[in-house]
């Protein structure tokens, strides 16, 4: 069998990072536009629930993938030989079978369940049916977009993968969502959450179609003669730790928002939602590295070249730390101006929370890609255990601090939990693999240009 990767030129880490950063920049503009338009369209009364629904759809979609997208990224990165062995073919068949199973079995089941729960929670049955249908479609499309982007990068289609990764689903998705949301706001201003969710869902359609077309040869060559249910069973058995880790990761980014929606007024929920969405911009440089470095880490760990891998990781972390520092300064100095400019003057009240969340994220940036090292080195169970421990700490802390001190208490609790997660994952990566990931004062940027991405 001829390798699908044999006819593709290999990019260096620096080249792959350049592609991802450029597309992520576009994705960031689209991400901010989506939130800015939604903030003005829905107002403080509904914006918090818009953010909550978006994150919920992402969580449910990730969970429905049962981890196959991350194992696909890790294992596909190793299938880079011209003539595949029998073991390579079996690995390819498992990856393709898992992709088909989650697309046509688990994703639809989870999507319908999400829509059904929404219908049960909304008192107005007509509106509940509309919102539930929109969320069900969003869950399926969001899950499919994540799956496709990870497989594209794993199989070496770095340029296209870069357009499907990043905030709000990547550059293509974010731009299309912003355009659709703006159109609904202007043409159907009274549609509220139904119109907003419909616009966001529409933004996924074209990128998902393009991604599946690009993977058509992979899906054709790797299809085995097994039932979808057999493929799903095999996927769950092999990849459930990835699924657990991904679910815990999302809960660690959304738990305070869930707590806020339960114990605070809707205006406070919107304020926290705006601050948390903006604070996540700080993670963009490190997220760029995580996405680009994941297949590199998997391949270099398999070759045993841990010393070079450590130098690559620490050099990348140093670069990300400098860029994040440039973003960190305005969020600390003029948080109210940034919030007011993006979301409207009514959101300036989230300034203190934004400063707190910003401070909590910085340790995760400085300590580098420790989570990627753990998951790509088959220690995803260790990372999942840590993630769930922090989810528990975060939940208890948020309930206590939010009840006692309201919005600011939630900010303090979130900052502490996020910092603990960053530091502990860094220590565990060193303990399990012997690799340091933190920033260095002497980065080797030339090494990034010489390392195959």
Protein backbone atom coordinates (compact mmCIF):
# COMPACT_ATOMS: atom_id res chain seq x y z
CA UNK A 1 0.00 0.00 0.00
CA UNK A 2 1.37 3.42 -0.92
CA UNK A 3 1.56 5.85 1.96
CA UNK A 4 -0.82 8.77 1.81
CA UNK A 5 1.90 10.89 3.34
CA UNK A 6 4.57 9.97 0.82
CA UNK A 7 3.47 12.57 -1.71
CA UNK A 8 3.20 15.43 0.80
CA UNK A 9 6.17 17.69 1.53
CA UNK A 10 7.12 17.84 5.20
CA UNK A 11 7.08 21.18 6.99
CA UNK A 12 9.47 22.00 9.80
CA UNK A 13 8.11 22.79 13.26
CA UNK A 14 8.76 26.44 12.50
CA UNK A 15 6.88 26.21 9.20
CA UNK A 16 3.96 24.34 10.75
CA UNK A 17 3.88 26.85 13.60
CA UNK A 18 3.89 29.72 11.11
CA UNK A 19 0.89 28.28 9.31
CA UNK A 20 -0.97 27.67 12.54
CA UNK A 21 -0.20 31.09 14.03
CA UNK A 22 -1.35 32.85 10.86
CA UNK A 23 -4.61 30.92 10.74
CA UNK A 24 -5.03 31.26 14.50
CA UNK A 25 -4.73 35.01 14.12
CA UNK A 26 -7.67 34.96 11.73
CA UNK A 27 -9.50 32.58 14.07
CA UNK A 28 -8.90 34.95 16.97
CA UNK A 29 -10.40 37.87 15.07
CA UNK A 30 -13.40 35.70 14.21
CA UNK A 31 -13.65 34.43 17.80
CA UNK A 32 -13.65 37.95 19.21
CA UNK A 33 -16.11 39.06 16.53
CA UNK A 34 -18.49 36.19 17.39
CA UNK A 35 -18.44 37.13 21.06
CA UNK A 36 -18.63 40.88 20.42
CA UNK A 37 -21.59 40.49 18.06
CA UNK A 38 -23.32 38.05 20.42
CA UNK A 39 -22.77 40.40 23.37
CA UNK A 40 -24.50 43.23 21.53
CA UNK A 41 -27.13 41.00 19.95
CA UNK A 42 -28.16 39.19 23.13
CA UNK A 43 -27.22 41.73 25.82
CA UNK A 44 -26.17 40.97 29.38
CA UNK A 45 -29.37 39.07 30.02
CA UNK A 46 -28.67 36.26 27.53
CA UNK A 47 -24.98 36.45 26.60
CA UNK A 48 -23.88 34.34 29.58
CA UNK A 49 -26.22 31.56 28.52
CA UNK A 50 -24.91 31.81 24.96
CA UNK A 51 -21.36 31.24 26.24
CA UNK A 52 -22.56 28.42 28.47
CA UNK A 53 -24.36 26.70 25.59
CA UNK A 54 -21.33 27.06 23.30
CA UNK A 55 -19.01 25.48 25.86
CA UNK A 56 -21.56 22.77 26.64
CA UNK A 57 -21.84 21.85 22.96
CA UNK A 58 -18.05 21.64 22.78
CA UNK A 59 -17.89 19.43 25.88
CA UNK A 60 -20.62 17.08 24.66
CA UNK A 61 -19.08 16.89 21.19
CA UNK A 62 -15.66 16.09 22.66
CA UNK A 63 -17.10 13.43 24.94
CA UNK A 64 -18.96 11.81 22.03
CA UNK A 65 -15.64 11.37 20.22
CA UNK A 66 -14.56 9.02 23.04
CA UNK A 67 -10.94 10.08 22.57
CA UNK A 68 -10.48 8.79 19.02
CA UNK A 69 -9.48 12.24 17.75
CA UNK A 70 -6.48 12.42 20.11
CA UNK A 71 -5.39 8.84 19.56
CA UNK A 72 -5.81 9.48 15.85
CA UNK A 73 -3.48 12.46 16.06
CA UNK A 74 -0.90 10.49 18.05
CA UNK A 75 -0.98 7.26 16.06
CA UNK A 76 -1.37 8.79 12.59
CA UNK A 77 1.76 10.86 13.21
CA UNK A 78 3.73 7.61 13.43
CA UNK A 79 2.38 6.22 10.14
CA UNK A 80 4.89 8.05 7.98
CA UNK A 81 6.56 5.20 6.06
CA UNK A 82 6.40 4.76 2.28
CA UNK A 83 5.49 1.06 2.48
CA UNK A 84 3.21 0.29 5.37
CA UNK A 85 3.59 -2.93 7.31
CA UNK A 86 0.70 -5.15 8.30
CA UNK A 87 0.70 -3.51 11.74
CA UNK A 88 0.53 -0.07 10.12
CA UNK A 89 -2.49 -1.14 8.08
CA UNK A 90 -4.22 -2.47 11.20
CA UNK A 91 -3.55 0.83 12.99
CA UNK A 92 -4.96 2.75 10.02
CA UNK A 93 -8.06 0.55 9.95
CA UNK A 94 -8.62 1.13 13.66
CA UNK A 95 -8.32 4.90 13.26
CA UNK A 96 -10.66 5.03 10.29
CA UNK A 97 -13.12 2.63 11.91
CA UNK A 98 -13.16 4.77 15.05
CA UNK A 99 -13.80 7.91 12.99
CA UNK A 100 -16.76 6.31 11.21
CA UNK A 101 -18.18 4.94 14.46
CA UNK A 102 -18.19 8.25 16.32
CA UNK A 103 -19.49 10.14 13.28
CA UNK A 104 -22.51 7.93 12.71
CA UNK A 105 -23.19 6.43 16.16
CA UNK A 106 -21.92 8.22 19.25
CA UNK A 107 -22.04 11.80 17.95
CA UNK A 108 -25.70 11.54 16.83
CA UNK A 109 -26.65 9.88 20.14
CA UNK A 110 -24.98 12.57 22.24
CA UNK A 111 -26.33 15.34 20.01
CA UNK A 112 -29.91 14.10 20.35
CA UNK A 113 -29.48 13.70 24.11
CA UNK A 114 -28.25 17.30 24.40
CA UNK A 115 -31.20 18.53 22.37
CA UNK A 116 -33.61 16.47 24.46
CA UNK A 117 -32.28 17.82 27.76
CA UNK A 118 -32.56 21.37 26.42
CA UNK A 119 -36.17 20.75 25.39
CA UNK A 120 -36.95 19.48 28.89
CA UNK A 121 -35.34 22.48 30.59
CA UNK A 122 -36.98 25.25 28.52
CA UNK A 123 -40.49 26.06 29.69
CA UNK A 124 -41.69 27.30 26.29
CA UNK A 125 -42.02 24.07 24.29
CA UNK A 126 -41.78 25.73 20.86
CA UNK A 127 -38.69 27.70 21.82
CA UNK A 128 -37.27 24.65 23.60
CA UNK A 129 -37.70 22.56 20.46
CA UNK A 130 -35.99 25.22 18.34
CA UNK A 131 -33.07 25.72 20.73
CA UNK A 132 -32.73 21.97 21.30
CA UNK A 133 -32.60 21.27 17.57
CA UNK A 134 -30.00 24.00 17.03
CA UNK A 135 -27.85 22.67 19.89
CA UNK A 136 -28.11 19.08 18.62
CA UNK A 137 -26.88 20.15 15.21
CA UNK A 138 -24.11 22.23 16.84
CA UNK A 139 -22.91 19.26 18.91
CA UNK A 140 -22.63 16.98 15.87
CA UNK A 141 -20.89 19.58 13.73
CA UNK A 142 -18.54 20.74 16.51
CA UNK A 143 -17.51 17.14 17.22
CA UNK A 144 -16.99 16.41 13.54
CA UNK A 145 -14.85 19.54 13.10
CA UNK A 146 -12.59 18.53 16.00
CA UNK A 147 -12.25 14.98 14.68
CA UNK A 148 -11.39 16.08 11.16
CA UNK A 149 -8.87 18.72 12.21
CA UNK A 150 -6.97 16.25 14.41
CA UNK A 151 -6.88 13.56 11.71
CA UNK A 152 -5.72 16.06 9.10
CA UNK A 153 -2.78 17.12 11.26
CA UNK A 154 -1.94 13.55 12.24
CA UNK A 155 -1.79 12.48 8.60
CA UNK A 156 0.42 15.43 7.71
CA UNK A 157 -2.06 17.80 6.03
CA UNK A 158 -0.76 20.63 8.20
CA UNK A 159 -1.88 23.61 6.13
CA UNK A 160 -5.53 22.62 5.93
CA UNK A 161 -5.55 21.41 9.53
CA UNK A 162 -4.33 24.84 10.62
CA UNK A 163 -7.43 26.44 9.12
CA UNK A 164 -9.68 24.10 11.14
CA UNK A 165 -8.00 24.55 14.54
CA UNK A 166 -8.15 27.38 17.04
CA UNK A 167 -10.72 29.47 18.82
CA UNK A 168 -14.33 28.85 17.73
CA UNK A 169 -13.26 25.94 15.54
CA UNK A 170 -10.50 27.58 13.55
CA UNK A 171 -10.16 30.37 11.04
CA UNK A 172 -12.72 29.11 8.52
CA UNK A 173 -15.33 28.28 11.14
CA UNK A 174 -14.85 31.47 13.16
CA UNK A 175 -15.09 33.79 10.15
CA UNK A 176 -18.19 32.03 8.82
CA UNK A 177 -19.80 32.05 12.28
CA UNK A 178 -19.13 35.75 12.72
CA UNK A 179 -20.62 36.53 9.29
CA UNK A 180 -23.69 34.36 9.92
CA UNK A 181 -24.22 35.80 13.41
CA UNK A 182 -23.93 39.36 12.11
CA UNK A 183 -26.48 38.57 9.41
CA UNK A 184 -28.95 37.12 11.91
CA UNK A 185 -28.45 40.10 14.24
CA UNK A 186 -29.28 42.55 11.45
CA UNK A 187 -31.94 40.59 9.58
CA UNK A 188 -33.63 38.73 12.47
CA UNK A 189 -32.89 40.80 15.59
CA UNK A 190 -35.71 39.29 17.61
CA UNK A 191 -34.58 35.69 17.16
CA UNK A 192 -32.50 35.66 20.37
CA UNK A 193 -30.76 32.43 21.31
CA UNK A 194 -32.45 30.45 18.55
CA UNK A 195 -31.01 32.68 15.85
CA UNK A 196 -27.60 32.86 17.55
CA UNK A 197 -27.27 29.07 17.85
CA UNK A 198 -28.46 28.56 14.28
CA UNK A 199 -25.85 31.00 12.98
CA UNK A 200 -23.05 29.36 14.96
CA UNK A 201 -24.07 25.92 13.69
CA UNK A 202 -24.14 27.14 10.08
CA UNK A 203 -20.52 28.25 10.38
CA UNK A 204 -19.34 24.65 10.76
CA UNK A 205 -20.92 23.21 7.61
CA UNK A 206 -18.51 24.25 4.84
CA UNK A 207 -15.29 23.53 6.83
CA UNK A 208 -16.55 20.06 7.79
CA UNK A 209 -17.38 19.25 4.17
CA UNK A 210 -13.94 20.46 3.00
CA UNK A 211 -12.17 18.45 5.71
CA UNK A 212 -13.98 15.22 4.93
CA UNK A 213 -13.21 15.64 1.23
CA UNK A 214 -9.50 16.08 2.03
CA UNK A 215 -9.50 12.84 4.06
CA UNK A 216 -11.40 10.80 1.49
CA UNK A 217 -8.34 8.69 0.53
CA UNK A 218 -7.55 7.94 4.18
CA UNK A 219 -11.13 6.87 4.90
CA UNK A 220 -11.24 4.75 1.74
CA UNK A 221 -7.92 2.92 2.26
CA UNK A 222 -8.45 2.32 5.96
CA UNK A 223 -12.00 1.00 5.88
CA UNK A 224 -12.27 -2.53 7.33
CA UNK A 225 -15.16 -4.97 7.07
CA UNK A 226 -16.53 -4.41 10.58
CA UNK A 227 -19.80 -3.07 11.91
CA UNK A 228 -19.99 0.46 13.28
CA UNK A 229 -20.84 -0.92 16.72
CA UNK A 230 -17.76 -3.17 16.70
CA UNK A 231 -15.60 -0.20 15.74
CA UNK A 232 -17.17 1.90 18.50
CA UNK A 233 -16.56 -0.83 21.08
CA UNK A 234 -12.90 -1.10 20.05
CA UNK A 235 -12.51 2.69 20.13
CA UNK A 236 -14.03 3.05 23.59
CA UNK A 237 -11.86 0.23 24.94
CA UNK A 238 -8.65 1.77 23.58
CA UNK A 239 -9.28 5.51 23.90
CA UNK A 240 -11.53 6.09 26.92
CA UNK A 241 -8.66 7.68 28.88
CA UNK A 242 -8.34 10.33 26.18
CA UNK A 243 -12.09 10.95 26.42
CA UNK A 244 -11.87 11.28 30.19
CA UNK A 245 -8.96 13.68 29.88
CA UNK A 246 -10.73 15.83 27.28
CA UNK A 247 -13.93 16.02 29.33
CA UNK A 248 -12.02 17.04 32.43
CA UNK A 249 -10.09 19.63 30.42
CA UNK A 250 -13.29 21.29 29.28
CA UNK A 251 -14.81 21.16 32.74
CA UNK A 252 -11.70 22.91 34.06
CA UNK A 253 -12.37 25.78 31.67
CA UNK A 254 -16.12 26.05 32.27
CA UNK A 255 -16.89 24.92 35.83
CA UNK A 256 -17.01 28.44 37.31
CA UNK A 257 -19.43 29.50 34.59
CA UNK A 258 -21.70 26.59 35.49
CA UNK A 259 -21.50 27.53 39.16
CA UNK A 260 -22.19 31.18 38.33
CA UNK A 261 -25.31 30.20 36.38
CA UNK A 262 -26.53 28.27 39.43
CA UNK A 263 -25.88 30.79 42.21
CA UNK A 264 -25.59 34.24 40.62
CA UNK A 265 -27.89 36.54 38.66
CA UNK A 266 -27.89 36.39 34.85
CA UNK A 267 -25.98 39.69 34.58
CA UNK A 268 -23.14 38.28 36.70
CA UNK A 269 -23.10 35.11 34.60
CA UNK A 270 -22.62 37.26 31.50
CA UNK A 271 -19.84 39.29 33.16
CA UNK A 272 -17.94 36.15 34.14
CA UNK A 273 -18.51 34.67 30.70
CA UNK A 274 -17.06 37.74 29.00
CA UNK A 275 -14.00 37.79 31.30
CA UNK A 276 -13.32 34.08 30.87
CA UNK A 277 -13.63 34.24 27.09
CA UNK A 278 -11.21 37.14 26.93
CA UNK A 279 -8.72 35.62 29.38
CA UNK A 280 -8.44 32.53 27.19
CA UNK A 281 -6.77 34.71 24.57
CA UNK A 282 -3.66 34.45 26.76
CA UNK A 283 -3.51 30.73 26.00
CA UNK A 284 -3.36 31.26 22.25
CA UNK A 285 0.46 31.09 21.93
CA UNK A 286 0.66 27.96 24.09
CA UNK A 287 -2.33 26.38 22.33
CA UNK A 288 -0.55 26.99 19.04
CA UNK A 289 2.44 25.07 20.33
CA UNK A 290 0.31 22.25 21.72
CA UNK A 291 -1.44 21.69 18.41
CA UNK A 292 1.73 21.86 16.31
CA UNK A 293 3.95 19.95 18.75
CA UNK A 294 1.58 17.04 19.49
CA UNK A 295 2.56 14.89 16.46
CA UNK A 296 6.20 15.96 16.90
CA UNK A 297 6.18 14.82 20.53
CA UNK A 298 4.59 11.48 19.61
CA UNK A 299 7.14 10.83 16.86
CA UNK A 300 10.23 11.91 18.84
CA UNK A 301 9.18 9.95 21.93
CA UNK A 302 8.80 6.87 19.74
CA UNK A 303 12.33 7.38 18.39
CA UNK A 304 13.75 7.84 21.91
CA UNK A 305 15.27 11.25 21.18
CA UNK A 306 14.12 12.79 24.45
CA UNK A 307 17.06 15.18 24.80
CA UNK A 308 16.33 16.92 21.51
CA UNK A 309 12.61 16.88 22.27
CA UNK A 310 13.21 18.71 25.55
CA UNK A 311 15.21 21.40 23.77
CA UNK A 312 12.46 21.82 21.16
CA UNK A 313 9.74 22.04 23.82
CA UNK A 314 11.56 24.51 26.05
CA UNK A 315 12.47 26.73 23.11
CA UNK A 316 8.84 26.80 22.03
CA UNK A 317 7.68 27.58 25.56
CA UNK A 318 10.04 30.55 25.76
CA UNK A 319 8.63 31.97 22.54
CA UNK A 320 5.03 31.48 23.72
CA UNK A 321 5.80 33.09 27.09
CA UNK A 322 7.14 36.25 25.46
CA UNK A 323 4.09 36.56 23.19
CA UNK A 324 1.69 35.91 26.09
CA UNK A 325 3.50 38.58 28.10
CA UNK A 326 2.64 41.13 25.44
CA UNK A 327 -1.03 40.15 25.73
CA UNK A 328 -0.91 40.01 29.53
CA UNK A 329 0.13 43.65 30.04
CA UNK A 330 -2.98 45.36 28.57
CA UNK A 331 -5.30 42.91 30.31
CA UNK A 332 -3.76 43.90 33.64
CA UNK A 333 -3.44 47.63 32.96
CA UNK A 334 -6.64 48.48 31.03
CA UNK A 335 -9.06 45.56 31.51
CA UNK A 336 -12.15 47.78 31.62
CA UNK A 337 -11.31 49.48 28.34
CA UNK A 338 -10.77 46.14 26.60
CA UNK A 339 -14.01 44.65 27.93
CA UNK A 340 -16.02 47.75 27.10
CA UNK A 341 -14.61 47.98 23.58
CA UNK A 342 -15.30 44.33 22.76
CA UNK A 343 -18.56 43.59 24.52
CA UNK A 344 -20.05 46.98 25.31
CA UNK A 345 -19.88 49.38 28.27
CA UNK A 346 -22.11 47.13 30.36
CA UNK A 347 -19.31 44.56 30.61
CA UNK A 348 -16.71 46.82 32.23
CA UNK A 349 -17.80 45.42 35.60
CA UNK A 350 -15.84 42.23 34.82
CA UNK A 351 -12.49 44.06 35.05
CA UNK A 352 -11.40 42.60 38.40
CA UNK A 353 -12.36 39.09 37.33
CA UNK A 354 -10.40 39.46 34.09
CA UNK A 355 -7.26 40.45 36.03
CA UNK A 356 -7.64 37.46 38.35
CA UNK A 357 -8.19 34.98 35.54
CA UNK A 358 -5.20 36.40 33.68
CA UNK A 359 -2.92 35.88 36.68
CA UNK A 360 -4.12 32.29 37.08
CA UNK A 361 -3.33 31.38 33.46
CA UNK A 362 0.29 32.59 33.45
CA UNK A 363 1.80 29.56 35.30
CA UNK A 364 0.35 27.26 32.65
CA UNK A 365 2.06 29.31 29.95
CA UNK A 366 5.47 29.41 31.63
CA UNK A 367 5.51 25.67 32.41
CA UNK A 368 4.87 24.76 28.78
CA UNK A 369 3.45 21.73 26.96
CA UNK A 370 3.51 19.32 29.89
CA UNK A 371 0.01 18.00 29.22
CA UNK A 372 0.90 17.20 25.61
CA UNK A 373 4.00 15.31 26.74
CA UNK A 374 1.90 13.20 29.11
CA UNK A 375 -0.84 12.35 26.61
CA UNK A 376 1.49 11.69 23.67
CA UNK A 377 3.71 9.43 25.84
CA UNK A 378 0.80 7.10 26.73
CA UNK A 379 0.40 8.71 30.17
CA UNK A 380 -3.01 10.14 29.32
CA UNK A 381 -4.44 8.34 32.35
CA UNK A 382 -2.09 10.26 34.65
CA UNK A 383 -3.12 13.55 33.08
CA UNK A 384 -6.79 12.61 33.32
CA UNK A 385 -6.43 11.81 37.04
CA UNK A 386 -4.87 15.22 37.64
CA UNK A 387 -7.54 16.96 35.58
CA UNK A 388 -10.36 15.33 37.54
CA UNK A 389 -8.71 16.12 40.87
CA UNK A 390 -8.54 19.78 39.87
CA UNK A 391 -12.17 19.67 38.67
CA UNK A 392 -13.16 18.55 42.17
CA UNK A 393 -11.05 21.29 43.80
CA UNK A 394 -12.42 23.84 41.34
CA UNK A 395 -16.05 22.87 41.97
CA UNK A 396 -15.80 23.02 45.77
CA UNK A 397 -13.80 26.24 45.66
CA UNK A 398 -16.18 27.91 43.21
CA UNK A 399 -19.26 27.02 45.22
CA UNK A 400 -17.74 28.27 48.47
CA UNK A 401 -16.06 31.41 47.10
CA UNK A 402 -18.95 32.29 44.80
CA UNK A 403 -21.50 31.98 47.60
CA UNK A 404 -19.42 34.07 50.01
CA UNK A 405 -17.89 36.69 47.72
CA UNK A 406 -19.83 36.50 44.47
CA UNK A 407 -18.17 37.31 41.17
CA UNK A 408 -14.77 38.19 42.61
CA UNK A 409 -14.75 35.01 44.71
CA UNK A 410 -15.29 32.96 41.56
CA UNK A 411 -12.37 34.76 39.93
CA UNK A 412 -10.02 34.01 42.84
CA UNK A 413 -11.08 30.35 42.98
CA UNK A 414 -10.63 29.92 39.23
CA UNK A 415 -7.19 31.55 39.23
CA UNK A 416 -5.89 29.30 42.02
CA UNK A 417 -7.23 26.09 40.45
CA UNK A 418 -5.82 26.97 37.01
CA UNK A 419 -2.39 27.72 38.47
CA UNK A 420 -2.37 24.43 40.41
CA UNK A 421 -3.23 22.49 37.23
CA UNK A 422 -0.39 24.09 35.29
CA UNK A 423 2.27 23.52 37.95
CA UNK A 424 1.22 19.95 38.76
CA UNK A 425 1.10 18.82 35.11
CA UNK A 426 4.61 20.24 34.66
CA UNK A 427 5.88 18.22 37.64
CA UNK A 428 4.13 15.04 36.47
CA UNK A 429 5.57 15.34 32.96
CA UNK A 430 9.06 15.46 34.44
CA UNK A 431 8.32 12.56 36.81
CA UNK A 432 6.83 10.28 34.14
CA UNK A 433 9.06 11.04 31.16
CA UNK A 434 12.15 12.81 32.51
CA UNK A 435 11.46 15.78 30.22
CA UNK A 436 11.35 19.42 31.36
CA UNK A 437 8.93 21.66 29.46
CA UNK A 438 9.31 25.09 31.10
CA UNK A 439 10.65 28.21 29.41
CA UNK A 440 14.39 28.70 29.11
CA UNK A 441 16.49 31.85 28.97
CA UNK A 442 18.44 30.37 26.03
CA UNK A 443 15.89 29.19 23.44
CA UNK A 444 17.16 27.51 20.28
CA UNK A 445 14.84 28.95 17.66
CA UNK A 446 16.98 27.51 14.87
CA UNK A 447 16.17 24.04 16.20
CA UNK A 448 12.48 24.67 15.51
CA UNK A 449 13.30 25.34 11.86
CA UNK A 450 15.31 22.11 11.59
CA UNK A 451 12.83 19.80 13.32
CA UNK A 452 10.26 18.10 11.10
CA UNK A 453 6.70 19.14 11.90
